[in-house]
Amino acid sequence: MKRATLAVMTAAIALLAPSPSSAAVPRGKAAAAARPDKIPMKRTLSALELPMGERISRLRHQGPQGYENLVGIMFDEKAEMDVRWKAVTAAGRLGGKEARPEIDRALKHEVWYMRNAGLVAARSMDRDIAIQAARSLLSDKALVVRSSAAEALADLGDRSSTDLLWRKLNAPENFKGGQSLFVRIKIAEALARLEKPGREAKFIGLLTDRDEALHAPAIQALERLTKKSVGPVDGQLHERRAAWIKWWKEKRG
C-alpha cells in the first residue's frame, strides 16, 4: 500500500475516535474496535449513491478499508462517470490534505471529468491547493474544465490571479473559428468580481469586444470599482454600454 494512502487511512481512523459516550471503553477493546474490517466494494459503492451528507458519514464509518475502496473506484476505467466523480469528490472531503496524492493524480488524468472532479475535491481540501489547481486548469484542453477553473478562482477570491485571467481571456484556445467561446464569459465574470480599483480602463476596453456577452460583466465591474451607476438604470445593455464609453471619454478629457 502506498505511503500516501496509509497516511489518509490513519486520518480516517482518527475521525472514528470514541465519542464521549464510549470514552470509558478499555483501551484494548477500543483498539480492537478501531481495527478496520474488510469492507466489501459493494458497500462503498452503495454509500456513493446517498446524498452528500449521508454519503460522507457512511464512508467515514467504513474507515481505512472504505477509503482504499474509494481510491479503487476513482481510477477504475470501467466505472461510470458519475460514480468516479462522486468517489473523487468524496475522497477530498474525507482525506483533506492527506488525500492530495490521489487528488493530484485525478487533476492530471487524461479524462476531462476526472480533472474537473479533482478541482472540486481540491476546493473542499484547502484554499491554496485549490487555487494552484485552478490556475493550472485555466490552460486545460477541455473547455468545460477551463470554465470551471475560472469560476473556482472567482469563488476562492484569488485576486492575485487577475493578470493570468486577462491573458487567458484572449488566449487562442478560447476562440474557435474566430468566435468567442463560453469560457470567456466565465473569465470576464471572474474578473468582474476580483479586479481592483484602478483597472477600470480594462473593462472599458472589454465593452468594445465583439462578444456582446462580455459587456454585462464589464459593466458590473465598472459599477463596483467606481461605485457609480452610469446611463439608464433600466436601459438596454447597448444603451448602458454606450453611456459608460461616453463617461470614460469625458473623464479622460
C-alpha atoms as a PDB file:
ATOM      1  CA  MET A   1       0.000   0.000   0.000  1.00  0.00           C
ATOM      2  CA  LYS A   2       1.347   3.445  -0.872  1.00  0.00           C
ATOM      3  CA  ARG A   3       2.643   5.644   1.938  1.00  0.00           C
ATOM      4  CA  ALA A   4       0.203   8.427   0.970  1.00  0.00           C
ATOM      5  CA  THR A   5      -2.757   6.050   1.162  1.00  0.00           C
ATOM      6  CA  LEU A   6      -1.593   4.850   4.578  1.00  0.00           C
ATOM      7  CA  ALA A   7      -1.483   8.480   5.751  1.00  0.00           C
ATOM      8  CA  VAL A   8      -5.050   9.024   4.606  1.00  0.00           C
ATOM      9  CA  MET A   9      -6.127   5.816   6.279  1.00  0.00           C
ATOM     10  CA  THR A  10      -4.542   6.983   9.528  1.00  0.00           C
ATOM     11  CA  ALA A  11      -6.504  10.233   9.280  1.00  0.00           C
ATOM     12  CA  ALA A  12      -9.681   8.274   8.661  1.00  0.00           C
ATOM     13  CA  ILE A  13      -9.096   6.200  11.795  1.00  0.00           C
ATOM     14  CA  ALA A  14      -8.671   9.426  13.782  1.00  0.00           C
ATOM     15  CA  LEU A  15     -12.108  10.521  12.627  1.00  0.00           C
ATOM     16  CA  LEU A  16     -13.507   7.371  14.226  1.00  0.00           C
ATOM     17  CA  ALA A  17     -12.238   8.284  17.709  1.00  0.00           C
ATOM     18  CA  PRO A  18     -14.629   7.223  20.518  1.00  0.00           C
ATOM     19  CA  SER A  19     -17.455   9.624  21.276  1.00  0.00           C
ATOM     20  CA  PRO A  20     -17.916  10.892  24.882  1.00  0.00           C
ATOM     21  CA  SER A  21     -20.461   8.135  25.475  1.00  0.00           C
ATOM     22  CA  SER A  22     -17.866   5.465  24.655  1.00  0.00           C
ATOM     23  CA  ALA A  23     -14.815   7.171  26.150  1.00  0.00           C
ATOM     24  CA  ALA A  24     -14.832   4.768  29.099  1.00  0.00           C
ATOM     25  CA  VAL A  25     -14.256   1.717  26.886  1.00  0.00           C
ATOM     26  CA  PRO A  26     -10.988  -0.005  27.922  1.00  0.00           C
ATOM     27  CA  ARG A  27      -8.081   0.730  25.604  1.00  0.00           C
ATOM     28  CA  GLY A  28      -7.783  -2.849  24.471  1.00  0.00           C
ATOM     29  CA  LYS A  29     -11.405  -3.048  23.368  1.00  0.00           C
ATOM     30  CA  ALA A  30     -11.280   0.421  21.838  1.00  0.00           C
ATOM     31  CA  ALA A  31      -8.210  -0.520  19.822  1.00  0.00           C
ATOM     32  CA  ALA A  32      -9.868  -3.694  18.630  1.00  0.00           C
ATOM     33  CA  ALA A  33     -12.979  -1.778  17.641  1.00  0.00           C
ATOM     34  CA  ALA A  34     -10.834   0.690  15.664  1.00  0.00           C
ATOM     35  CA  ARG A  35      -9.225  -2.031  13.568  1.00  0.00           C
ATOM     36  CA  PRO A  36     -10.655  -1.820  10.041  1.00  0.00           C
ATOM     37  CA  ASP A  37     -12.850  -4.703   8.971  1.00  0.00           C
ATOM     38  CA  LYS A  38     -12.865  -5.915   5.399  1.00  0.00           C
ATOM     39  CA  ILE A  39     -15.374  -3.626   3.697  1.00  0.00           C
ATOM     40  CA  PRO A  40     -16.921  -5.079   0.523  1.00  0.00           C
ATOM     41  CA  MET A  41     -16.565  -2.848  -2.515  1.00  0.00           C
ATOM     42  CA  LYS A  42     -20.324  -3.123  -2.947  1.00  0.00           C
ATOM     43  CA  ARG A  43     -20.872  -1.353   0.377  1.00  0.00           C
ATOM     44  CA  THR A  44     -18.652   1.562  -0.653  1.00  0.00           C
ATOM     45  CA  LEU A  45     -20.459   1.822  -3.981  1.00  0.00           C
ATOM     46  CA  SER A  46     -23.807   1.857  -2.147  1.00  0.00           C
ATOM     47  CA  ALA A  47     -22.591   4.721   0.057  1.00  0.00           C
ATOM     48  CA  LEU A  48     -21.795   6.767  -3.055  1.00  0.00           C
ATOM     49  CA  GLU A  49     -25.457   6.609  -4.075  1.00  0.00           C
ATOM     50  CA  LEU A  50     -26.538   8.519  -0.943  1.00  0.00           C
ATOM     51  CA  PRO A  51     -27.000  12.315  -0.640  1.00  0.00           C
ATOM     52  CA  MET A  52     -23.731  14.134   0.082  1.00  0.00           C
ATOM     53  CA  GLY A  53     -24.049  14.498   3.855  1.00  0.00           C
ATOM     54  CA  GLU A  54     -25.085  10.918   4.430  1.00  0.00           C
ATOM     55  CA  ARG A  55     -22.610   9.719   1.809  1.00  0.00           C
ATOM     56  CA  ILE A  56     -19.632  11.201   3.643  1.00  0.00           C
ATOM     57  CA  SER A  57     -20.878   9.970   7.014  1.00  0.00           C
ATOM     58  CA  ARG A  58     -21.312   6.424   5.734  1.00  0.00           C
ATOM     59  CA  LEU A  59     -17.919   6.400   4.039  1.00  0.00           C
ATOM     60  CA  ARG A  60     -16.220   7.785   7.127  1.00  0.00           C
ATOM     61  CA  HIS A  61     -17.596   4.915   9.167  1.00  0.00           C
ATOM     62  CA  GLN A  62     -16.103   2.463   6.695  1.00  0.00           C
ATOM     63  CA  GLY A  63     -12.654   3.555   7.884  1.00  0.00           C
ATOM     64  CA  PRO A  64      -9.349   2.914   6.057  1.00  0.00           C
ATOM     65  CA  GLN A  65     -10.671  -0.026   4.047  1.00  0.00           C
ATOM     66  CA  GLY A  66     -13.546   2.111   2.788  1.00  0.00           C
ATOM     67  CA  TYR A  67     -11.098   4.801   1.687  1.00  0.00           C
ATOM     68  CA  GLU A  68      -8.981   2.205  -0.099  1.00  0.00           C
ATOM     69  CA  ASN A  69     -12.119   1.057  -1.926  1.00  0.00           C
ATOM     70  CA  LEU A  70     -12.863   4.675  -2.801  1.00  0.00           C
ATOM     71  CA  VAL A  71      -9.465   5.146  -4.432  1.00  0.00           C
ATOM     72  CA  GLY A  72     -10.005   1.941  -6.383  1.00  0.00           C
ATOM     73  CA  ILE A  73     -13.304   3.296  -7.704  1.00  0.00           C
ATOM     74  CA  MET A  74     -11.725   6.624  -8.637  1.00  0.00           C
ATOM     75  CA  PHE A  75      -9.298   5.004 -11.043  1.00  0.00           C
ATOM     76  CA  ASP A  76     -11.440   2.150 -12.273  1.00  0.00           C
ATOM     77  CA  GLU A  77     -11.633   2.800 -16.004  1.00  0.00           C
ATOM     78  CA  LYS A  78     -14.719   0.588 -16.241  1.00  0.00           C
ATOM     79  CA  ALA A  79     -16.713   2.576 -13.672  1.00  0.00           C
ATOM     80  CA  GLU A  80     -19.362   5.061 -14.796  1.00  0.00           C
ATOM     81  CA  MET A  81     -18.556   8.761 -14.939  1.00  0.00           C
ATOM     82  CA  ASP A  82     -20.934   9.788 -12.136  1.00  0.00           C
ATOM     83  CA  VAL A  83     -19.606   7.064  -9.816  1.00  0.00           C
ATOM     84  CA  ARG A  84     -15.988   8.088 -10.357  1.00  0.00           C
ATOM     85  CA  TRP A  85     -16.912  11.754  -9.934  1.00  0.00           C
ATOM     86  CA  LYS A  86     -18.544  11.028  -6.576  1.00  0.00           C
ATOM     87  CA  ALA A  87     -15.567   8.947  -5.492  1.00  0.00           C
ATOM     88  CA  VAL A  88     -13.075  11.737  -6.292  1.00  0.00           C
ATOM     89  CA  THR A  89     -15.058  14.456  -4.531  1.00  0.00           C
ATOM     90  CA  ALA A  90     -15.714  12.205  -1.534  1.00  0.00           C
ATOM     91  CA  ALA A  91     -12.002  11.405  -1.232  1.00  0.00           C
ATOM     92  CA  GLY A  92     -11.207  15.120  -0.985  1.00  0.00           C
ATOM     93  CA  ARG A  93     -13.756  15.606   1.781  1.00  0.00           C
ATOM     94  CA  LEU A  94     -12.672  12.518   3.719  1.00  0.00           C
ATOM     95  CA  GLY A  95      -8.911  12.794   3.453  1.00  0.00           C
ATOM     96  CA  GLY A  96      -8.374  16.547   3.384  1.00  0.00           C
ATOM     97  CA  LYS A  97      -4.759  17.470   2.661  1.00  0.00           C
ATOM     98  CA  GLU A  98      -3.731  13.844   3.225  1.00  0.00           C
ATOM     99  CA  ALA A  99      -5.675  12.935   0.077  1.00  0.00           C
ATOM    100  CA  ARG A 100      -3.521  15.181  -2.079  1.00  0.00           C
ATOM    101  CA  PRO A 101      -1.596  12.383  -3.884  1.00  0.00           C
ATOM    102  CA  GLU A 102      -4.851  10.859  -5.108  1.00  0.00           C
ATOM    103  CA  ILE A 103      -6.391  14.222  -5.982  1.00  0.00           C
ATOM    104  CA  ASP A 104      -3.236  15.331  -7.805  1.00  0.00           C
ATOM    105  CA  ARG A 105      -3.478  12.133  -9.821  1.00  0.00           C
ATOM    106  CA  ALA A 106      -7.074  12.971 -10.705  1.00  0.00           C
ATOM    107  CA  LEU A 107      -6.093  16.527 -11.678  1.00  0.00           C
ATOM    108  CA  LYS A 108      -3.614  15.131 -14.202  1.00  0.00           C
ATOM    109  CA  HIS A 109      -5.875  12.365 -15.508  1.00  0.00           C
ATOM    110  CA  GLU A 110      -6.366  12.044 -19.260  1.00  0.00           C
ATOM    111  CA  VAL A 111     -10.167  12.032 -18.868  1.00  0.00           C
ATOM    112  CA  TRP A 112     -11.594  15.555 -18.601  1.00  0.00           C
ATOM    113  CA  TYR A 113     -14.227  14.850 -15.956  1.00  0.00           C
ATOM    114  CA  MET A 114     -11.592  13.407 -13.623  1.00  0.00           C
ATOM    115  CA  ARG A 115      -9.645  16.669 -13.818  1.00  0.00           C
ATOM    116  CA  ASN A 116     -12.841  18.607 -13.198  1.00  0.00           C
ATOM    117  CA  ALA A 117     -13.755  16.387 -10.243  1.00  0.00           C
ATOM    118  CA  GLY A 118     -10.220  16.823  -8.919  1.00  0.00           C
ATOM    119  CA  LEU A 119     -10.726  20.590  -8.887  1.00  0.00           C
ATOM    120  CA  VAL A 120     -13.989  20.212  -6.972  1.00  0.00           C
ATOM    121  CA  ALA A 121     -12.219  17.938  -4.496  1.00  0.00           C
ATOM    122  CA  ALA A 122      -9.317  20.375  -4.110  1.00  0.00           C
ATOM    123  CA  ARG A 123     -11.749  23.151  -3.212  1.00  0.00           C
ATOM    124  CA  SER A 124     -13.019  21.070  -0.301  1.00  0.00           C
ATOM    125  CA  MET A 125      -9.475  20.312   0.900  1.00  0.00           C
ATOM    126  CA  ASP A 126      -7.523  23.557   1.082  1.00  0.00           C
ATOM    127  CA  ARG A 127      -7.767  27.014  -0.471  1.00  0.00           C
ATOM    128  CA  ASP A 128      -4.125  27.235  -1.570  1.00  0.00           C
ATOM    129  CA  ILE A 129      -4.233  23.772  -3.131  1.00  0.00           C
ATOM    130  CA  ALA A 130      -7.446  24.673  -4.945  1.00  0.00           C
ATOM    131  CA  ILE A 131      -6.025  27.955  -6.262  1.00  0.00           C
ATOM    132  CA  GLN A 132      -2.927  26.198  -7.555  1.00  0.00           C
ATOM    133  CA  ALA A 133      -5.079  23.607  -9.299  1.00  0.00           C
ATOM    134  CA  ALA A 134      -7.450  26.197 -10.798  1.00  0.00           C
ATOM    135  CA  ARG A 135      -4.617  28.320 -12.181  1.00  0.00           C
ATOM    136  CA  SER A 136      -3.143  25.279 -13.893  1.00  0.00           C
ATOM    137  CA  LEU A 137      -6.509  24.163 -15.283  1.00  0.00           C
ATOM    138  CA  LEU A 138      -7.121  27.568 -16.899  1.00  0.00           C
ATOM    139  CA  SER A 139      -4.961  26.140 -19.691  1.00  0.00           C
ATOM    140  CA  ASP A 140      -6.696  22.756 -19.779  1.00  0.00           C
ATOM    141  CA  LYS A 141      -7.521  21.278 -23.172  1.00  0.00           C
ATOM    142  CA  ALA A 142     -11.178  20.808 -22.193  1.00  0.00           C
ATOM    143  CA  LEU A 143     -13.439  23.856 -22.446  1.00  0.00           C
ATOM    144  CA  VAL A 144     -15.623  22.835 -19.503  1.00  0.00           C
ATOM    145  CA  VAL A 145     -12.574  22.378 -17.276  1.00  0.00           C
ATOM    146  CA  ARG A 146     -11.205  25.822 -18.186  1.00  0.00           C
ATOM    147  CA  SER A 147     -14.612  27.315 -17.394  1.00  0.00           C
ATOM    148  CA  SER A 148     -14.713  25.559 -14.017  1.00  0.00           C
ATOM    149  CA  ALA A 149     -11.221  26.831 -13.232  1.00  0.00           C
ATOM    150  CA  ALA A 150     -12.192  30.459 -13.894  1.00  0.00           C
ATOM    151  CA  GLU A 151     -15.293  30.085 -11.752  1.00  0.00           C
ATOM    152  CA  ALA A 152     -13.251  28.485  -8.966  1.00  0.00           C
ATOM    153  CA  LEU A 153     -10.772  31.374  -8.862  1.00  0.00           C
ATOM    154  CA  ALA A 154     -13.667  33.813  -8.530  1.00  0.00           C
ATOM    155  CA  ASP A 155     -15.312  31.794  -5.766  1.00  0.00           C
ATOM    156  CA  LEU A 156     -11.994  31.465  -3.935  1.00  0.00           C
ATOM    157  CA  GLY A 157     -11.440  35.225  -4.124  1.00  0.00           C
ATOM    158  CA  ASP A 158      -7.991  34.871  -5.682  1.00  0.00           C
ATOM    159  CA  ARG A 159      -7.248  38.468  -6.622  1.00  0.00           C
ATOM    160  CA  SER A 160      -3.627  37.615  -7.412  1.00  0.00           C
ATOM    161  CA  SER A 161      -4.819  35.681 -10.487  1.00  0.00           C
ATOM    162  CA  THR A 162      -6.274  38.673 -12.340  1.00  0.00           C
ATOM    163  CA  ASP A 163      -3.303  39.161 -14.684  1.00  0.00           C
ATOM    164  CA  LEU A 164      -3.458  35.491 -15.615  1.00  0.00           C
ATOM    165  CA  LEU A 165      -7.205  35.759 -16.212  1.00  0.00           C
ATOM    166  CA  TRP A 166      -6.749  38.758 -18.529  1.00  0.00           C
ATOM    167  CA  ARG A 167      -4.183  36.792 -20.555  1.00  0.00           C
ATOM    168  CA  LYS A 168      -6.494  33.805 -20.795  1.00  0.00           C
ATOM    169  CA  LEU A 169      -9.412  35.989 -21.834  1.00  0.00           C
ATOM    170  CA  ASN A 170      -7.807  36.446 -25.237  1.00  0.00           C
ATOM    171  CA  ALA A 171      -5.868  33.174 -25.442  1.00  0.00           C
ATOM    172  CA  PRO A 172      -6.215  31.394 -28.825  1.00  0.00           C
ATOM    173  CA  GLU A 173      -7.735  28.275 -27.259  1.00  0.00           C
ATOM    174  CA  ASN A 174     -10.701  30.330 -26.086  1.00  0.00           C
ATOM    175  CA  PHE A 175     -11.787  31.046 -29.649  1.00  0.00           C
ATOM    176  CA  LYS A 176     -12.971  28.683 -32.348  1.00  0.00           C
ATOM    177  CA  GLY A 177     -13.157  29.797 -35.931  1.00  0.00           C
ATOM    178  CA  GLY A 178     -12.744  33.367 -34.734  1.00  0.00           C
ATOM    179  CA  GLN A 179     -15.777  33.042 -32.475  1.00  0.00           C
ATOM    180  CA  SER A 180     -15.587  33.685 -28.738  1.00  0.00           C
ATOM    181  CA  LEU A 181     -16.177  30.578 -26.597  1.00  0.00           C
ATOM    182  CA  PHE A 182     -18.289  30.347 -23.435  1.00  0.00           C
ATOM    183  CA  VAL A 183     -15.235  30.199 -21.186  1.00  0.00           C
ATOM    184  CA  ARG A 184     -14.545  33.872 -21.946  1.00  0.00           C
ATOM    185  CA  ILE A 185     -17.801  34.799 -20.218  1.00  0.00           C
ATOM    186  CA  LYS A 186     -16.701  32.867 -17.128  1.00  0.00           C
ATOM    187  CA  ILE A 187     -13.339  34.619 -17.205  1.00  0.00           C
ATOM    188  CA  ALA A 188     -14.978  38.051 -17.577  1.00  0.00           C
ATOM    189  CA  GLU A 189     -17.322  37.278 -14.686  1.00  0.00           C
ATOM    190  CA  ALA A 190     -14.360  36.237 -12.540  1.00  0.00           C
ATOM    191  CA  LEU A 191     -12.510  39.450 -13.382  1.00  0.00           C
ATOM    192  CA  ALA A 192     -15.611  41.498 -12.558  1.00  0.00           C
ATOM    193  CA  ARG A 193     -15.555  40.014  -9.056  1.00  0.00           C
ATOM    194  CA  LEU A 194     -11.802  40.056  -8.454  1.00  0.00           C
ATOM    195  CA  GLU A 195     -10.252  43.085 -10.132  1.00  0.00           C
ATOM    196  CA  LYS A 196      -9.115  46.026  -8.002  1.00  0.00           C
ATOM    197  CA  PRO A 197      -9.758  49.778  -8.410  1.00  0.00           C
ATOM    198  CA  GLY A 198      -7.507  51.406 -10.967  1.00  0.00           C
ATOM    199  CA  ARG A 199      -8.186  48.788 -13.628  1.00  0.00           C
ATOM    200  CA  GLU A 200     -11.329  50.443 -14.997  1.00  0.00           C
ATOM    201  CA  ALA A 201      -9.707  51.016 -18.389  1.00  0.00           C
ATOM    202  CA  LYS A 202      -9.512  47.283 -18.961  1.00  0.00           C
ATOM    203  CA  PHE A 203     -13.267  46.906 -18.542  1.00  0.00           C
ATOM    204  CA  ILE A 204     -13.921  49.880 -20.805  1.00  0.00           C
ATOM    205  CA  GLY A 205     -11.833  48.024 -23.361  1.00  0.00           C
ATOM    206  CA  LEU A 206     -13.919  44.922 -22.732  1.00  0.00           C
ATOM    207  CA  LEU A 207     -17.006  46.919 -23.731  1.00  0.00           C
ATOM    208  CA  THR A 208     -15.594  47.054 -27.254  1.00  0.00           C
ATOM    209  CA  ASP A 209     -15.201  43.276 -27.502  1.00  0.00           C
ATOM    210  CA  ARG A 210     -17.134  41.656 -30.361  1.00  0.00           C
ATOM    211  CA  ASP A 211     -18.667  39.175 -27.924  1.00  0.00           C
ATOM    212  CA  GLU A 212     -21.599  41.127 -26.502  1.00  0.00           C
ATOM    213  CA  ALA A 213     -21.988  38.578 -23.705  1.00  0.00           C
ATOM    214  CA  LEU A 214     -18.882  40.117 -22.107  1.00  0.00           C
ATOM    215  CA  HIS A 215     -20.425  43.571 -21.853  1.00  0.00           C
ATOM    216  CA  ALA A 216     -22.683  42.827 -18.873  1.00  0.00           C
ATOM    217  CA  PRO A 217     -19.874  41.626 -16.569  1.00  0.00           C
ATOM    218  CA  ALA A 218     -17.750  44.569 -17.744  1.00  0.00           C
ATOM    219  CA  ILE A 219     -20.483  46.999 -16.660  1.00  0.00           C
ATOM    220  CA  GLN A 220     -20.892  45.164 -13.350  1.00  0.00           C
ATOM    221  CA  ALA A 221     -17.170  45.566 -12.747  1.00  0.00           C
ATOM    222  CA  LEU A 222     -17.230  49.276 -13.590  1.00  0.00           C
ATOM    223  CA  GLU A 223     -20.136  49.857 -11.226  1.00  0.00           C
ATOM    224  CA  ARG A 224     -18.324  48.015  -8.433  1.00  0.00           C
ATOM    225  CA  LEU A 225     -14.995  49.731  -8.980  1.00  0.00           C
ATOM    226  CA  THR A 226     -16.299  53.288  -9.452  1.00  0.00           C
ATOM    227  CA  LYS A 227     -19.321  52.955  -7.140  1.00  0.00           C
ATOM    228  CA  LYS A 228     -21.276  54.717  -9.907  1.00  0.00           C
ATOM    229  CA  SER A 229     -24.304  53.918 -11.998  1.00  0.00           C
ATOM    230  CA  VAL A 230     -23.940  55.407 -15.467  1.00  0.00           C
ATOM    231  CA  GLY A 231     -26.693  55.573 -18.055  1.00  0.00           C
ATOM    232  CA  PRO A 232     -30.318  54.486 -17.756  1.00  0.00           C
ATOM    233  CA  VAL A 233     -30.721  52.032 -14.857  1.00  0.00           C
ATOM    234  CA  ASP A 234     -33.446  50.149 -16.683  1.00  0.00           C
ATOM    235  CA  GLY A 235     -31.914  50.746 -20.084  1.00  0.00           C
ATOM    236  CA  GLN A 236     -30.936  48.037 -22.502  1.00  0.00           C
ATOM    237  CA  LEU A 237     -27.420  46.686 -22.423  1.00  0.00           C
ATOM    238  CA  HIS A 238     -26.283  48.553 -25.520  1.00  0.00           C
ATOM    239  CA  GLU A 239     -27.527  51.847 -24.022  1.00  0.00           C
ATOM    240  CA  ARG A 240     -25.659  51.299 -20.783  1.00  0.00           C
ATOM    241  CA  ARG A 241     -22.570  50.273 -22.712  1.00  0.00           C
ATOM    242  CA  ALA A 242     -22.664  53.469 -24.767  1.00  0.00           C
ATOM    243  CA  ALA A 243     -23.162  55.549 -21.618  1.00  0.00           C
ATOM    244  CA  TRP A 244     -20.098  54.039 -19.957  1.00  0.00           C
ATOM    245  CA  ILE A 245     -17.919  54.580 -23.026  1.00  0.00           C
ATOM    246  CA  LYS A 246     -19.067  58.188 -23.170  1.00  0.00           C
ATOM    247  CA  TRP A 247     -18.408  58.644 -19.451  1.00  0.00           C
ATOM    248  CA  TRP A 248     -14.892  57.294 -19.874  1.00  0.00           C
ATOM    249  CA  LYS A 249     -14.113  59.605 -22.798  1.00  0.00           C
ATOM    250  CA  GLU A 250     -15.339  62.627 -20.833  1.00  0.00           C
ATOM    251  CA  LYS A 251     -13.364  61.545 -17.804  1.00  0.00           C
ATOM    252  CA  ARG A 252     -10.199  61.239 -19.870  1.00  0.00           C
ATOM    253  CA  GLY A 253     -10.857  64.657 -21.449  1.00  0.00           C
END
